[in-house]
Amino acid sequence: MSLATRIDTLKSRHGTIDAELQREEARPAPNLAEISRLKREKLRLKDEINRLAVEVA
């Protein structure tokens, strides 16, 4: 898998997690543990995307 393909895959997953996070936050009684987990995962993906982008450049 090329780095560009890997970055695209990570960006897609990042967007999916963002949508999940927005849905959870919009619930009448959001699960705070789930929100925290989603935020950590989203940040981890963002960090990996940025790290790989530096390698591609």
N, C-alpha and C. Protein backbone atom coordinates (compact mmCIF):
# COMPACT_ATOMS: atom_id res chain seq x y z
N MET A 1 0.85 -1.17 0.00
CA MET A 1 0.00 0.00 0.00
C MET A 1 0.90 1.23 0.00
N SER A 2 0.64 2.14 -0.93
CA SER A 2 1.45 3.36 -0.99
C SER A 2 1.08 4.30 0.15
N LEU A 3 1.97 5.23 0.43
CA LEU A 3 1.71 6.18 1.51
C LEU A 3 0.49 7.03 1.21
N ALA A 4 0.33 7.43 -0.05
CA ALA A 4 -0.83 8.25 -0.42
C ALA A 4 -2.14 7.48 -0.19
N THR A 5 -2.14 6.20 -0.52
CA THR A 5 -3.33 5.38 -0.29
C THR A 5 -3.59 5.23 1.20
N ARG A 6 -2.54 5.03 1.96
CA ARG A 6 -2.68 4.90 3.41
C ARG A 6 -3.24 6.19 4.01
N ILE A 7 -2.75 7.33 3.55
CA ILE A 7 -3.24 8.62 4.04
C ILE A 7 -4.72 8.78 3.71
N ASP A 8 -5.11 8.42 2.49
CA ASP A 8 -6.52 8.52 2.10
C ASP A 8 -7.40 7.63 2.97
N THR A 9 -6.92 6.43 3.27
CA THR A 9 -7.66 5.51 4.14
C THR A 9 -7.82 6.10 5.54
N LEU A 10 -6.75 6.67 6.06
CA LEU A 10 -6.81 7.27 7.39
C LEU A 10 -7.75 8.48 7.41
N LYS A 11 -7.72 9.29 6.36
CA LYS A 11 -8.62 10.44 6.28
C LYS A 11 -10.08 10.00 6.25
N SER A 12 -10.34 8.92 5.54
CA SER A 12 -11.70 8.39 5.49
C SER A 12 -12.15 7.93 6.87
N ARG A 13 -11.29 7.20 7.56
CA ARG A 13 -11.61 6.73 8.91
C ARG A 13 -11.79 7.91 9.86
N HIS A 14 -10.96 8.95 9.71
CA HIS A 14 -11.06 10.15 10.53
C HIS A 14 -12.44 10.79 10.35
N GLY A 15 -12.90 10.86 9.10
CA GLY A 15 -14.22 11.43 8.82
C GLY A 15 -15.34 10.59 9.41
N THR A 16 -15.19 9.28 9.34
CA THR A 16 -16.19 8.38 9.91
C THR A 16 -16.28 8.56 11.42
N ILE A 17 -15.13 8.66 12.07
CA ILE A 17 -15.11 8.85 13.52
C ILE A 17 -15.69 10.21 13.88
N ASP A 18 -15.42 11.22 13.08
CA ASP A 18 -15.98 12.55 13.33
C ASP A 18 -17.50 12.49 13.29
N ALA A 19 -18.06 11.78 12.32
CA ALA A 19 -19.51 11.64 12.22
C ALA A 19 -20.07 10.89 13.44
N GLU A 20 -19.38 9.82 13.85
CA GLU A 20 -19.81 9.07 15.05
C GLU A 20 -19.79 9.98 16.28
N LEU A 21 -18.76 10.79 16.39
CA LEU A 21 -18.61 11.70 17.51
C LEU A 21 -19.75 12.72 17.53
N GLN A 22 -20.07 13.27 16.39
CA GLN A 22 -21.16 14.25 16.31
C GLN A 22 -22.50 13.61 16.68
N ARG A 23 -22.73 12.38 16.22
CA ARG A 23 -23.97 11.68 16.58
C ARG A 23 -24.05 11.44 18.09
N GLU A 24 -22.94 11.02 18.67
CA GLU A 24 -22.93 10.74 20.11
C GLU A 24 -23.16 12.01 20.91
N GLU A 25 -22.53 13.11 20.50
CA GLU A 25 -22.68 14.37 21.22
C GLU A 25 -24.09 14.93 21.09
N ALA A 26 -24.80 14.58 20.02
CA ALA A 26 -26.15 15.09 19.78
C ALA A 26 -27.22 14.29 20.53
N ARG A 27 -26.86 13.14 21.06
CA ARG A 27 -27.82 12.32 21.80
C ARG A 27 -28.28 13.05 23.07
N PRO A 28 -29.50 12.78 23.51
CA PRO A 28 -30.00 13.42 24.73
C PRO A 28 -29.14 13.10 25.96
N ALA A 29 -28.64 11.88 26.06
CA ALA A 29 -27.77 11.49 27.17
C ALA A 29 -26.52 10.86 26.59
N PRO A 30 -25.57 11.70 26.11
CA PRO A 30 -24.37 11.15 25.47
C PRO A 30 -23.51 10.34 26.44
N ASN A 31 -22.87 9.33 25.88
CA ASN A 31 -21.96 8.48 26.65
C ASN A 31 -20.60 9.18 26.67
N LEU A 32 -20.25 9.74 27.82
CA LEU A 32 -19.02 10.53 27.92
C LEU A 32 -17.77 9.69 27.70
N ALA A 33 -17.80 8.44 28.12
CA ALA A 33 -16.65 7.56 27.90
C ALA A 33 -16.46 7.31 26.40
N GLU A 34 -17.55 7.12 25.69
CA GLU A 34 -17.47 6.91 24.24
C GLU A 34 -16.98 8.16 23.53
N ILE A 35 -17.45 9.31 23.96
CA ILE A 35 -16.99 10.58 23.38
C ILE A 35 -15.48 10.72 23.57
N SER A 36 -15.02 10.43 24.75
CA SER A 36 -13.59 10.51 25.05
C SER A 36 -12.80 9.55 24.17
N ARG A 37 -13.29 8.32 24.03
CA ARG A 37 -12.61 7.32 23.19
C ARG A 37 -12.55 7.78 21.75
N LEU A 38 -13.65 8.31 21.23
CA LEU A 38 -13.70 8.77 19.85
C LEU A 38 -12.75 9.94 19.62
N LYS A 39 -12.70 10.85 20.57
CA LYS A 39 -11.80 12.00 20.44
C LYS A 39 -10.33 11.56 20.42
N ARG A 40 -10.00 10.60 21.30
CA ARG A 40 -8.62 10.09 21.32
C ARG A 40 -8.27 9.41 20.00
N GLU A 41 -9.19 8.61 19.48
CA GLU A 41 -8.95 7.91 18.21
C GLU A 41 -8.81 8.91 17.07
N LYS A 42 -9.67 9.91 17.06
CA LYS A 42 -9.62 10.94 16.01
C LYS A 42 -8.27 11.68 16.05
N LEU A 43 -7.80 12.01 17.24
CA LEU A 43 -6.51 12.69 17.38
C LEU A 43 -5.36 11.78 16.95
N ARG A 44 -5.44 10.50 17.32
CA ARG A 44 -4.40 9.54 16.92
C ARG A 44 -4.32 9.46 15.40
N LEU A 45 -5.47 9.41 14.75
CA LEU A 45 -5.50 9.34 13.28
C LEU A 45 -4.92 10.62 12.68
N LYS A 46 -5.30 11.76 13.23
CA LYS A 46 -4.78 13.04 12.72
C LYS A 46 -3.26 13.09 12.83
N ASP A 47 -2.74 12.64 13.97
CA ASP A 47 -1.29 12.63 14.16
C ASP A 47 -0.61 11.71 13.14
N GLU A 48 -1.20 10.55 12.90
CA GLU A 48 -0.60 9.63 11.94
C GLU A 48 -0.68 10.19 10.51
N ILE A 49 -1.79 10.83 10.17
CA ILE A 49 -1.92 11.45 8.85
C ILE A 49 -0.83 12.50 8.67
N ASN A 50 -0.64 13.35 9.68
CA ASN A 50 0.38 14.39 9.59
C ASN A 50 1.78 13.81 9.49
N ARG A 51 2.04 12.75 10.25
CA ARG A 51 3.36 12.11 10.19
C ARG A 51 3.63 11.54 8.81
N LEU A 52 2.63 10.87 8.23
CA LEU A 52 2.81 10.29 6.91
C LEU A 52 2.92 11.35 5.82
N ALA A 53 2.19 12.45 6.00
CA ALA A 53 2.25 13.55 5.02
C ALA A 53 3.65 14.13 4.94
N VAL A 54 4.35 14.17 6.07
CA VAL A 54 5.73 14.67 6.09
C VAL A 54 6.61 13.71 5.30
N GLU A 55 6.37 12.41 5.41
CA GLU A 55 7.16 11.42 4.68
C GLU A 55 6.95 11.53 3.18
N VAL A 56 5.72 11.84 2.77
CA VAL A 56 5.40 11.94 1.34
C VAL A 56 6.05 13.19 0.74
N ALA A 57 6.10 14.26 1.53
CA ALA A 57 6.62 15.55 1.02
C ALA A 57 8.10 15.52 0.77
